[in-house]
C-alpha atoms as a PDB file:
ATOM      1  CA  MET A   1      -6.042  20.899 -17.563  1.00  0.00           C
ATOM      2  CA  SER A   2      -8.661  23.384 -15.493  1.00  0.00           C
ATOM      3  CA  PRO A   3     -11.454  22.261 -12.225  1.00  0.00           C
ATOM      4  CA  ALA A   4     -14.044  22.414 -14.826  1.00  0.00           C
ATOM      5  CA  PHE A   5     -12.279  19.654 -16.829  1.00  0.00           C
ATOM      6  CA  ILE A   6     -11.655  17.737 -13.447  1.00  0.00           C
ATOM      7  CA  LEU A   7     -15.180  17.724 -11.989  1.00  0.00           C
ATOM      8  CA  ILE A   8     -16.903  17.066 -15.840  1.00  0.00           C
ATOM      9  CA  LYS A   9     -14.447  13.935 -16.125  1.00  0.00           C
ATOM     10  CA  PHE A  10     -15.255  12.694 -12.272  1.00  0.00           C
ATOM     11  CA  LYS A  11     -18.562  12.990 -13.033  1.00  0.00           C
ATOM     12  CA  ARG A  12     -18.760  11.236 -15.876  1.00  0.00           C
ATOM     13  CA  ASN A  13     -16.934   8.216 -13.787  1.00  0.00           C
ATOM     14  CA  MET A  14     -19.299   8.398 -10.982  1.00  0.00           C
ATOM     15  CA  THR A  15     -21.857   7.670 -13.883  1.00  0.00           C
ATOM     16  CA  GLN A  16     -19.696   4.601 -14.949  1.00  0.00           C
ATOM     17  CA  MET A  17     -19.650   3.952 -11.573  1.00  0.00           C
ATOM     18  CA  ILE A  18     -23.048   3.683 -10.718  1.00  0.00           C
ATOM     19  CA  GLU A  19     -24.310   2.115 -13.811  1.00  0.00           C
ATOM     20  CA  LYS A  20     -21.621  -0.846 -13.649  1.00  0.00           C
ATOM     21  CA  ARG A  21     -21.134  -0.902  -9.677  1.00  0.00           C
ATOM     22  CA  PRO A  22     -23.279  -1.949  -6.846  1.00  0.00           C
ATOM     23  CA  GLN A  23     -24.204   1.799  -5.685  1.00  0.00           C
ATOM     24  CA  ARG A  24     -22.816  -0.074  -1.845  1.00  0.00           C
ATOM     25  CA  GLY A  25     -19.395  -0.215  -3.068  1.00  0.00           C
ATOM     26  CA  PHE A  26     -19.585   3.527  -3.230  1.00  0.00           C
ATOM     27  CA  ALA A  27     -21.598   4.900  -0.553  1.00  0.00           C
ATOM     28  CA  ALA A  28     -18.667   2.390   1.315  1.00  0.00           C
ATOM     29  CA  GLY A  29     -15.997   4.217  -0.179  1.00  0.00           C
ATOM     30  CA  LEU A  30     -16.948   8.058   0.076  1.00  0.00           C
ATOM     31  CA  GLY A  31     -18.083   7.021   3.802  1.00  0.00           C
ATOM     32  CA  ALA A  32     -14.568   6.061   4.729  1.00  0.00           C
ATOM     33  CA  TYR A  33     -12.842   9.083   3.387  1.00  0.00           C
ATOM     34  CA  LEU A  34     -15.572  11.133   4.612  1.00  0.00           C
ATOM     35  CA  LEU A  35     -15.077   9.516   8.250  1.00  0.00           C
ATOM     36  CA  TRP A  36     -11.110   9.814   7.253  1.00  0.00           C
ATOM     37  CA  GLY A  37     -11.655  13.942   6.470  1.00  0.00           C
ATOM     38  CA  ILE A  38     -13.565  14.465   9.887  1.00  0.00           C
ATOM     39  CA  LEU A  39     -11.537  12.273  12.185  1.00  0.00           C
ATOM     40  CA  PRO A  40      -9.289  15.100  13.071  1.00  0.00           C
ATOM     41  CA  ILE A  41     -12.467  16.647  15.123  1.00  0.00           C
ATOM     42  CA  TYR A  42     -12.700  13.510  17.085  1.00  0.00           C
ATOM     43  CA  TRP A  43      -8.524  13.645  17.968  1.00  0.00           C
ATOM     44  CA  LYS A  44      -8.924  17.384  18.692  1.00  0.00           C
ATOM     45  CA  GLN A  45     -11.192  16.735  21.926  1.00  0.00           C
ATOM     46  CA  LEU A  46      -8.319  15.017  23.242  1.00  0.00           C
ATOM     47  CA  GLY A  47      -6.108  18.061  23.173  1.00  0.00           C
ATOM     48  CA  ALA A  48      -5.789  17.176  27.458  1.00  0.00           C
ATOM     49  CA  VAL A  49      -4.146  13.996  26.766  1.00  0.00           C
ATOM     50  CA  PRO A  50      -0.184  14.028  25.677  1.00  0.00           C
ATOM     51  CA  PRO A  51       0.001  12.479  22.324  1.00  0.00           C
ATOM     52  CA  MET A  52       2.132   9.516  22.837  1.00  0.00           C
ATOM     53  CA  GLU A  53      -0.752   8.119  25.377  1.00  0.00           C
ATOM     54  CA  GLN A  54      -3.385   9.270  22.542  1.00  0.00           C
ATOM     55  CA  LEU A  55      -1.485   6.949  20.147  1.00  0.00           C
ATOM     56  CA  ALA A  56      -1.176   4.489  22.571  1.00  0.00           C
ATOM     57  CA  TRP A  57      -4.688   4.074  23.280  1.00  0.00           C
ATOM     58  CA  ARG A  58      -5.414   4.204  19.704  1.00  0.00           C
ATOM     59  CA  VAL A  59      -2.653   0.993  18.519  1.00  0.00           C
ATOM     60  CA  LEU A  60      -3.823  -0.924  21.996  1.00  0.00           C
ATOM     61  CA  GLY A  61      -7.390  -0.494  21.067  1.00  0.00           C
ATOM     62  CA  CYS A  62      -7.294  -1.431  17.427  1.00  0.00           C
ATOM     63  CA  ALA A  63      -5.089  -4.539  18.334  1.00  0.00           C
ATOM     64  CA  ILE A  64      -7.791  -6.141  20.712  1.00  0.00           C
ATOM     65  CA  ILE A  65     -10.596  -5.207  17.889  1.00  0.00           C
ATOM     66  CA  SER A  66      -8.614  -6.593  14.811  1.00  0.00           C
ATOM     67  CA  TRP A  67      -8.436  -9.600  16.865  1.00  0.00           C
ATOM     68  CA  VAL A  68     -11.405 -10.203  17.881  1.00  0.00           C
ATOM     69  CA  TRP A  69     -12.634  -9.661  14.100  1.00  0.00           C
ATOM     70  CA  VAL A  70     -10.290 -11.631  12.783  1.00  0.00           C
ATOM     71  CA  LEU A  71     -10.908 -15.004  15.179  1.00  0.00           C
ATOM     72  CA  SER A  72     -14.435 -14.795  15.070  1.00  0.00           C
ATOM     73  CA  ARG A  73     -15.008 -15.391  11.216  1.00  0.00           C
ATOM     74  CA  GLY A  74     -13.159 -18.199  11.725  1.00  0.00           C
ATOM     75  CA  LYS A  75     -10.600 -17.044   8.238  1.00  0.00           C
ATOM     76  CA  ARG A  76      -7.253 -16.577   8.948  1.00  0.00           C
ATOM     77  CA  ALA A  77      -4.310 -16.358   6.960  1.00  0.00           C
ATOM     78  CA  PRO A  78      -2.434 -19.820   6.661  1.00  0.00           C
ATOM     79  CA  LYS A  79       0.162 -20.851   7.810  1.00  0.00           C
ATOM     80  CA  HIS A  80       2.532 -21.374   4.801  1.00  0.00           C
ATOM     81  CA  VAL A  81       2.607 -17.618   4.113  1.00  0.00           C
ATOM     82  CA  PHE A  82       4.104 -16.980   7.247  1.00  0.00           C
ATOM     83  CA  THR A  83       7.887 -16.566   5.340  1.00  0.00           C
ATOM     84  CA  LYS A  84      10.976 -14.279   6.499  1.00  0.00           C
ATOM     85  CA  LYS A  85      10.292 -12.784   4.098  1.00  0.00           C
ATOM     86  CA  THR A  86       6.319 -11.805   4.822  1.00  0.00           C
ATOM     87  CA  LEU A  87       7.261 -11.036   8.858  1.00  0.00           C
ATOM     88  CA  GLY A  88       9.815  -8.982   7.511  1.00  0.00           C
ATOM     89  CA  ALA A  89       7.016  -7.058   5.163  1.00  0.00           C
ATOM     90  CA  LEU A  90       5.054  -6.828   8.029  1.00  0.00           C
ATOM     91  CA  LEU A  91       8.404  -5.124  10.935  1.00  0.00           C
ATOM     92  CA  ALA A  92       8.720  -2.569   7.608  1.00  0.00           C
ATOM     93  CA  ALA A  93       4.668  -1.967   7.781  1.00  0.00           C
ATOM     94  CA  THR A  94       4.722  -1.785  11.246  1.00  0.00           C
ATOM     95  CA  ILE A  95       6.858   0.602  11.890  1.00  0.00           C
ATOM     96  CA  LEU A  96       5.951   3.096   9.262  1.00  0.00           C
ATOM     97  CA  ILE A  97       2.192   3.136  10.776  1.00  0.00           C
ATOM     98  CA  ALA A  98       3.150   3.963  13.407  1.00  0.00           C
ATOM     99  CA  ALA A  99       5.426   7.110  12.137  1.00  0.00           C
ATOM    100  CA  ASN A 100       2.497   8.081  10.646  1.00  0.00           C
ATOM    101  CA  TRP A 101      -0.033   7.379  13.307  1.00  0.00           C
ATOM    102  CA  GLY A 102       2.147   8.907  15.719  1.00  0.00           C
ATOM    103  CA  THR A 103       3.110  12.055  13.428  1.00  0.00           C
ATOM    104  CA  TYR A 104      -0.724  13.136  12.487  1.00  0.00           C
ATOM    105  CA  ILE A 105      -1.670  12.695  16.382  1.00  0.00           C
ATOM    106  CA  TRP A 106       1.171  15.383  17.003  1.00  0.00           C
ATOM    107  CA  ALA A 107       0.733  16.843  14.292  1.00  0.00           C
ATOM    108  CA  LEU A 108      -3.229  18.100  15.256  1.00  0.00           C
ATOM    109  CA  SER A 109      -1.656  18.252  19.404  1.00  0.00           C
ATOM    110  CA  VAL A 110      -0.010  21.468  17.813  1.00  0.00           C
ATOM    111  CA  ASN A 111      -2.355  22.730  15.402  1.00  0.00           C
ATOM    112  CA  ARG A 112      -1.020  21.566  11.755  1.00  0.00           C
ATOM    113  CA  MET A 113      -3.748  20.372  10.182  1.00  0.00           C
ATOM    114  CA  VAL A 114      -3.254  22.172   7.405  1.00  0.00           C
ATOM    115  CA  GLU A 115       0.261  20.645   6.508  1.00  0.00           C
ATOM    116  CA  ALA A 116      -1.216  17.242   7.709  1.00  0.00           C
ATOM    117  CA  SER A 117      -3.404  17.386   4.705  1.00  0.00           C
ATOM    118  CA  LEU A 118      -0.912  18.446   2.747  1.00  0.00           C
ATOM    119  CA  GLY A 119       0.790  15.078   2.944  1.00  0.00           C
ATOM    120  CA  TYR A 120      -2.402  13.070   2.161  1.00  0.00           C
ATOM    121  CA  TYR A 121      -2.129  15.428  -0.939  1.00  0.00           C
ATOM    122  CA  ILE A 122       1.158  14.306  -1.773  1.00  0.00           C
ATOM    123  CA  ASN A 123       0.416  11.539  -1.396  1.00  0.00           C
ATOM    124  CA  PRO A 124      -0.769   9.864  -4.840  1.00  0.00           C
ATOM    125  CA  LEU A 125       2.849  11.953  -6.195  1.00  0.00           C
ATOM    126  CA  VAL A 126       4.756   9.936  -3.943  1.00  0.00           C
ATOM    127  CA  ASN A 127       3.297   6.700  -4.980  1.00  0.00           C
ATOM    128  CA  VAL A 128       3.986   8.031  -8.731  1.00  0.00           C
ATOM    129  CA  VAL A 129       7.458   8.213  -8.205  1.00  0.00           C
ATOM    130  CA  LEU A 130       7.711   4.786  -5.683  1.00  0.00           C
ATOM    131  CA  GLY A 131       6.599   3.154  -8.905  1.00  0.00           C
ATOM    132  CA  VAL A 132       9.398   4.411 -10.803  1.00  0.00           C
ATOM    133  CA  VAL A 133      12.223   3.491  -7.966  1.00  0.00           C
ATOM    134  CA  PHE A 134      11.055   0.547  -7.069  1.00  0.00           C
ATOM    135  CA  LEU A 135       8.641  -0.690  -9.343  1.00  0.00           C
ATOM    136  CA  SER A 136       9.778  -0.154 -12.808  1.00  0.00           C
ATOM    137  CA  GLU A 137       6.911   2.072 -13.643  1.00  0.00           C
ATOM    138  CA  LYS A 138       7.471   4.465 -16.822  1.00  0.00           C
ATOM    139  CA  LEU A 139       6.414   7.769 -15.803  1.00  0.00           C
ATOM    140  CA  ALA A 140       4.361   9.973 -18.676  1.00  0.00           C
ATOM    141  CA  LYS A 141       5.479  13.187 -19.595  1.00  0.00           C
ATOM    142  CA  ARG A 142       2.241  14.928 -17.933  1.00  0.00           C
ATOM    143  CA  GLN A 143       3.117  12.514 -14.286  1.00  0.00           C
ATOM    144  CA  ARG A 144       7.032  13.988 -14.959  1.00  0.00           C
ATOM    145  CA  ILE A 145       5.633  18.035 -14.937  1.00  0.00           C
ATOM    146  CA  ALA A 146       3.262  16.782 -11.898  1.00  0.00           C
ATOM    147  CA  VAL A 147       6.143  15.790 -10.133  1.00  0.00           C
ATOM    148  CA  ALA A 148       7.961  18.877 -11.089  1.00  0.00           C
ATOM    149  CA  LEU A 149       5.046  20.836 -10.038  1.00  0.00           C
ATOM    150  CA  ALA A 150       4.592  19.370  -6.789  1.00  0.00           C
ATOM    151  CA  SER A 151       8.297  19.654  -5.336  1.00  0.00           C
ATOM    152  CA  LEU A 152       8.352  24.087  -6.162  1.00  0.00           C
ATOM    153  CA  GLY A 153       4.751  23.191  -3.896  1.00  0.00           C
ATOM    154  CA  VAL A 154       7.232  22.213  -1.870  1.00  0.00           C
ATOM    155  CA  LEU A 155       9.965  25.342  -2.492  1.00  0.00           C
ATOM    156  CA  VAL A 156       7.466  27.640  -2.298  1.00  0.00           C
ATOM    157  CA  MET A 157       6.640  26.368   0.888  1.00  0.00           C
ATOM    158  CA  THR A 158       9.864  26.407   2.408  1.00  0.00           C
ATOM    159  CA  LEU A 159      10.777  29.433   0.721  1.00  0.00           C
ATOM    160  CA  PHE A 160       7.821  32.072   1.852  1.00  0.00           C
ATOM    161  CA  ALA A 161       6.467  30.745   4.445  1.00  0.00           C
ATOM    162  CA  GLY A 162       9.989  30.086   6.493  1.00  0.00           C
ATOM    163  CA  VAL A 163       8.486  27.111   6.892  1.00  0.00           C
ATOM    164  CA  PHE A 164      10.056  23.801   5.546  1.00  0.00           C
ATOM    165  CA  PRO A 165       6.803  21.191   5.682  1.00  0.00           C
ATOM    166  CA  TRP A 166       8.248  17.693   6.960  1.00  0.00           C
ATOM    167  CA  VAL A 167       5.268  17.068   8.683  1.00  0.00           C
ATOM    168  CA  SER A 168       3.663  16.641   5.213  1.00  0.00           C
ATOM    169  CA  LEU A 169       6.430  14.684   3.727  1.00  0.00           C
ATOM    170  CA  ILE A 170       6.848  12.545   6.467  1.00  0.00           C
ATOM    171  CA  LEU A 171       2.717  11.615   6.331  1.00  0.00           C
ATOM    172  CA  ALA A 172       3.293  11.315   2.685  1.00  0.00           C
ATOM    173  CA  LEU A 173       6.514   8.653   2.595  1.00  0.00           C
ATOM    174  CA  CYS A 174       5.306   6.889   5.149  1.00  0.00           C
ATOM    175  CA  PHE A 175       2.584   6.274   3.985  1.00  0.00           C
ATOM    176  CA  GLY A 176       3.732   6.051   0.424  1.00  0.00           C
ATOM    177  CA  PHE A 177       6.079   3.079   1.138  1.00  0.00           C
ATOM    178  CA  TYR A 178       3.232   2.229   4.020  1.00  0.00           C
ATOM    179  CA  GLY A 179       0.994   1.001   0.792  1.00  0.00           C
ATOM    180  CA  LEU A 180       4.168  -0.872  -1.566  1.00  0.00           C
ATOM    181  CA  VAL A 181       5.381  -2.966   1.619  1.00  0.00           C
ATOM    182  CA  VAL A 182       1.406  -3.698   2.126  1.00  0.00           C
ATOM    183  CA  LYS A 183       1.409  -4.872  -1.928  1.00  0.00           C
ATOM    184  CA  THR A 184       4.210  -7.236  -1.279  1.00  0.00           C
ATOM    185  CA  LEU A 185       2.202  -9.437   0.882  1.00  0.00           C
ATOM    186  CA  PRO A 186       0.564 -12.318  -0.067  1.00  0.00           C
ATOM    187  CA  SER A 187      -2.868 -12.028  -0.897  1.00  0.00           C
ATOM    188  CA  GLU A 188      -4.544 -14.019   1.833  1.00  0.00           C
ATOM    189  CA  PHE A 189      -4.038 -10.990   3.780  1.00  0.00           C
ATOM    190  CA  ASP A 190      -6.868  -8.579   3.650  1.00  0.00           C
ATOM    191  CA  SER A 191      -7.347  -4.826   5.332  1.00  0.00           C
ATOM    192  CA  ILE A 192      -8.395  -6.030   8.788  1.00  0.00           C
ATOM    193  CA  GLU A 193      -5.689  -9.188   8.837  1.00  0.00           C
ATOM    194  CA  THR A 194      -2.931  -7.102   8.143  1.00  0.00           C
ATOM    195  CA  LEU A 195      -4.012  -4.267  10.524  1.00  0.00           C
ATOM    196  CA  ALA A 196      -4.348  -7.033  13.359  1.00  0.00           C
ATOM    197  CA  TRP A 197      -0.908  -8.755  12.824  1.00  0.00           C
ATOM    198  CA  LEU A 198       0.862  -5.484  12.449  1.00  0.00           C
ATOM    199  CA  MET A 199      -1.415  -4.675  16.476  1.00  0.00           C
ATOM    200  CA  ALA A 200       0.526  -7.891  17.393  1.00  0.00           C
ATOM    201  CA  PHE A 201       3.635  -5.634  17.329  1.00  0.00           C
ATOM    202  CA  LEU A 202       2.904  -2.765  18.460  1.00  0.00           C
ATOM    203  CA  GLY A 203      -0.093  -3.918  21.318  1.00  0.00           C
ATOM    204  CA  PRO A 204       2.519  -4.875  23.817  1.00  0.00           C
ATOM    205  CA  LEU A 205       3.809  -2.164  23.100  1.00  0.00           C
ATOM    206  CA  ALA A 206       1.635  -0.107  23.718  1.00  0.00           C
ATOM    207  CA  ALA A 207       0.294  -1.611  26.433  1.00  0.00           C
ATOM    208  CA  GLY A 208       3.749  -1.586  28.368  1.00  0.00           C
ATOM    209  CA  TYR A 209       4.163   2.534  27.748  1.00  0.00           C
ATOM    210  CA  LEU A 210       0.658   2.814  29.426  1.00  0.00           C
ATOM    211  CA  LEU A 211       1.712   0.994  32.183  1.00  0.00           C
ATOM    212  CA  TRP A 212       4.420   2.659  32.695  1.00  0.00           C
ATOM    213  CA  CYS A 213       2.241   6.028  32.384  1.00  0.00           C
ATOM    214  CA  GLY A 214      -0.156   4.396  35.145  1.00  0.00           C
ATOM    215  CA  ASN A 215       2.973   3.628  37.208  1.00  0.00           C
ATOM    216  CA  SER A 216       4.780   7.630  36.428  1.00  0.00           C
ATOM    217  CA  GLU A 217       4.014  11.002  38.305  1.00  0.00           C
ATOM    218  CA  ALA A 218       1.730  12.154  35.870  1.00  0.00           C
ATOM    219  CA  GLY A 219      -0.412   9.454  35.663  1.00  0.00           C
ATOM    220  CA  LEU A 220      -2.912   8.314  32.653  1.00  0.00           C
ATOM    221  CA  HIS A 221      -5.604  10.439  31.108  1.00  0.00           C
ATOM    222  CA  LEU A 222      -7.927   7.932  31.386  1.00  0.00           C
ATOM    223  CA  VAL A 223     -10.212   8.724  34.156  1.00  0.00           C
ATOM    224  CA  GLY A 224      -9.935  12.125  35.949  1.00  0.00           C
ATOM    225  CA  TYR A 225     -10.630  14.062  32.872  1.00  0.00           C
ATOM    226  CA  GLY A 226     -14.278  13.775  32.344  1.00  0.00           C
ATOM    227  CA  SER A 227     -16.124  10.947  30.499  1.00  0.00           C
ATOM    228  CA  LEU A 228     -15.753  12.563  26.845  1.00  0.00           C
ATOM    229  CA  VAL A 229     -11.949  11.524  27.149  1.00  0.00           C
ATOM    230  CA  THR A 230     -12.485   8.515  28.504  1.00  0.00           C
ATOM    231  CA  THR A 231     -14.770   7.591  26.456  1.00  0.00           C
ATOM    232  CA  LEU A 232     -12.766   8.824  23.474  1.00  0.00           C
ATOM    233  CA  LEU A 233      -9.936   6.755  24.434  1.00  0.00           C
ATOM    234  CA  LEU A 234     -11.485   3.496  24.820  1.00  0.00           C
ATOM    235  CA  LEU A 235     -13.286   4.031  21.395  1.00  0.00           C
ATOM    236  CA  SER A 236      -9.945   4.925  19.388  1.00  0.00           C
ATOM    237  CA  GLY A 237      -9.286   1.555  18.084  1.00  0.00           C
ATOM    238  CA  PHE A 238     -13.086   1.247  16.911  1.00  0.00           C
ATOM    239  CA  VAL A 239     -13.529   4.614  14.951  1.00  0.00           C
ATOM    240  CA  THR A 240     -10.008   3.729  13.439  1.00  0.00           C
ATOM    241  CA  LEU A 241     -11.238   0.248  12.170  1.00  0.00           C
ATOM    242  CA  ILE A 242     -14.165   1.338  10.792  1.00  0.00           C
ATOM    243  CA  PRO A 243     -13.038   3.559   8.186  1.00  0.00           C
ATOM    244  CA  LEU A 244     -10.556   0.735   6.845  1.00  0.00           C
ATOM    245  CA  TRP A 245     -13.311  -1.863   7.184  1.00  0.00           C
ATOM    246  CA  LEU A 246     -15.160   1.045   4.705  1.00  0.00           C
ATOM    247  CA  PHE A 247     -12.587   1.719   2.307  1.00  0.00           C
ATOM    248  CA  GLY A 248     -11.902  -2.472   2.286  1.00  0.00           C
ATOM    249  CA  ILE A 249     -15.821  -2.757   0.284  1.00  0.00           C
ATOM    250  CA  GLY A 250     -14.937  -0.032  -1.229  1.00  0.00           C
ATOM    251  CA  ALA A 251     -12.156  -0.809  -2.758  1.00  0.00           C
ATOM    252  CA  ARG A 252     -13.121  -4.687  -3.775  1.00  0.00           C
ATOM    253  CA  SER A 253     -15.898  -2.896  -5.240  1.00  0.00           C
ATOM    254  CA  LEU A 254     -15.198   0.453  -6.938  1.00  0.00           C
ATOM    255  CA  PRO A 255     -12.845   1.573 -10.239  1.00  0.00           C
ATOM    256  CA  LEU A 256      -9.417   2.656  -9.242  1.00  0.00           C
ATOM    257  CA  SER A 257     -10.065   5.977 -11.631  1.00  0.00           C
ATOM    258  CA  VAL A 258     -13.181   6.678  -9.075  1.00  0.00           C
ATOM    259  CA  LEU A 259     -10.899   4.990  -6.163  1.00  0.00           C
ATOM    260  CA  GLY A 260      -8.562   7.648  -7.456  1.00  0.00           C
ATOM    261  CA  PHE A 261     -10.956  10.842  -7.160  1.00  0.00           C
ATOM    262  CA  LEU A 262     -12.457   9.671  -3.454  1.00  0.00           C
ATOM    263  CA  GLN A 263      -9.164   9.982  -2.659  1.00  0.00           C
ATOM    264  CA  TYR A 264      -8.889  13.630  -1.578  1.00  0.00           C
ATOM    265  CA  VAL A 265     -12.294  14.095  -0.376  1.00  0.00           C
ATOM    266  CA  ALA A 266     -10.507  13.652   3.164  1.00  0.00           C
ATOM    267  CA  PRO A 267      -7.512  16.077   2.914  1.00  0.00           C
ATOM    268  CA  SER A 268      -9.956  18.207   1.855  1.00  0.00           C
ATOM    269  CA  ILE A 269     -11.906  18.440   4.455  1.00  0.00           C
ATOM    270  CA  MET A 270      -9.116  17.868   7.047  1.00  0.00           C
ATOM    271  CA  LEU A 271      -7.871  21.150   4.715  1.00  0.00           C
ATOM    272  CA  LEU A 272     -11.134  23.537   5.534  1.00  0.00           C
ATOM    273  CA  LEU A 273     -11.475  21.770   9.117  1.00  0.00           C
ATOM    274  CA  GLY A 274      -7.996  23.867   9.661  1.00  0.00           C
ATOM    275  CA  VAL A 275      -8.918  27.324   8.044  1.00  0.00           C
ATOM    276  CA  LEU A 276     -12.258  27.600   8.742  1.00  0.00           C
ATOM    277  CA  VAL A 277     -12.801  25.375  12.417  1.00  0.00           C
ATOM    278  CA  TYR A 278      -9.291  25.688  13.929  1.00  0.00           C
ATOM    279  CA  LYS A 279      -8.500  29.506  12.340  1.00  0.00           C
ATOM    280  CA  GLU A 280      -4.584  27.956  11.208  1.00  0.00           C
ATOM    281  CA  PRO A 281      -2.280  30.279   9.376  1.00  0.00           C
ATOM    282  CA  PHE A 282      -2.969  30.252   5.679  1.00  0.00           C
ATOM    283  CA  GLY A 283      -1.087  32.778   3.402  1.00  0.00           C
ATOM    284  CA  LEU A 284      -0.038  33.748   0.192  1.00  0.00           C
ATOM    285  CA  ALA A 285       2.539  31.346   0.352  1.00  0.00           C
ATOM    286  CA  GLN A 286       0.578  28.512   1.686  1.00  0.00           C
ATOM    287  CA  ALA A 287      -2.366  29.268  -1.247  1.00  0.00           C
ATOM    288  CA  LEU A 288       0.153  28.939  -4.061  1.00  0.00           C
ATOM    289  CA  THR A 289       1.924  25.213  -2.396  1.00  0.00           C
ATOM    290  CA  PHE A 290      -2.091  24.124  -2.554  1.00  0.00           C
ATOM    291  CA  VAL A 291      -2.668  25.463  -6.210  1.00  0.00           C
ATOM    292  CA  LEU A 292       1.013  23.376  -7.344  1.00  0.00           C
ATOM    293  CA  ILE A 293       0.242  20.421  -5.075  1.00  0.00           C
ATOM    294  CA  LEU A 294      -3.673  20.593  -6.876  1.00  0.00           C
ATOM    295  CA  SER A 295      -2.691  20.854 -10.370  1.00  0.00           C
ATOM    296  CA  ALA A 296      -0.415  18.713 -10.284  1.00  0.00           C
ATOM    297  CA  LEU A 297      -2.763  16.076  -8.929  1.00  0.00           C
ATOM    298  CA  GLY A 298      -4.797  17.064 -11.466  1.00  0.00           C
ATOM    299  CA  LEU A 299      -2.390  15.765 -14.051  1.00  0.00           C
ATOM    300  CA  SER A 300      -1.197  12.833 -12.393  1.00  0.00           C
ATOM    301  CA  THR A 301      -4.090  11.684 -12.594  1.00  0.00           C
ATOM    302  CA  THR A 302      -5.479  12.288 -16.403  1.00  0.00           C
ATOM    303  CA  PRO A 303      -4.468  10.171 -18.041  1.00  0.00           C
ATOM    304  CA  SER A 304      -2.315  10.593 -21.002  1.00  0.00           C
ATOM    305  CA  ARG A 305      -0.810   9.011 -24.540  1.00  0.00           C
ATOM    306  CA  ASP A 306       2.125  10.160 -23.727  1.00  0.00           C
ATOM    307  CA  SER A 307       5.259   7.738 -22.868  1.00  0.00           C
END
């Protein structure tokens, strides 16, 4: 399947969406992915702050803002939905999102943005495999070829670049399993309340870690490193919630086919930032890996009559 075919199909989907759906949904969805794409610049400005402390401030800020958001609207999931199964799913999702955020922040801090972007390209293919394994979904022939191409891409990176892309795979697997777990939650949980409950688990741990840092010899990095660092740390929860809120608006009003194409905006921006702005290595092996992954994505997102 050629890039031209992908672009033509994308244009057709955009046209249909604009004619049949509110433009507000498209603007919100695109805004979410644009923000996710450029947010690495935000986190890179916090290079003086250790990744664990960055993560703690992000979690604590997100916990406070999400609960203020949920409580202020006066609408919460009813008590009867909080079964053992639901609590188990929330705990599992908490572990997965913490691992995803932590790996992402660490990867940016050690100049592995290109590898992180690869993870978010792989994520839709991971979702396909998880659907087969856990939801008994069937793979079309094109999807089977897509998974094989993606696996070949990982192998190329490992053999020819000499680097096993574990950062990419951790990000893709954690986010894939996170989505799978969230699917099991009752429909009464929207995206913001789901995040609020996850932060209810993580928030006390983040606060405890920050208190420990404050009493340690190194101290906290909230003050003494410039007003920019202070401001960015305090706003980290806010910038986490805004794209999620925008995504929720877009997800409710856009066709899945449009969302499927929009999700490649963020890793594409990350890739360009990593190569062009932060001058991360991008040789023949990396280029071939991305070609294989993008080819796999093209196959997996194209409707097929194969069974």
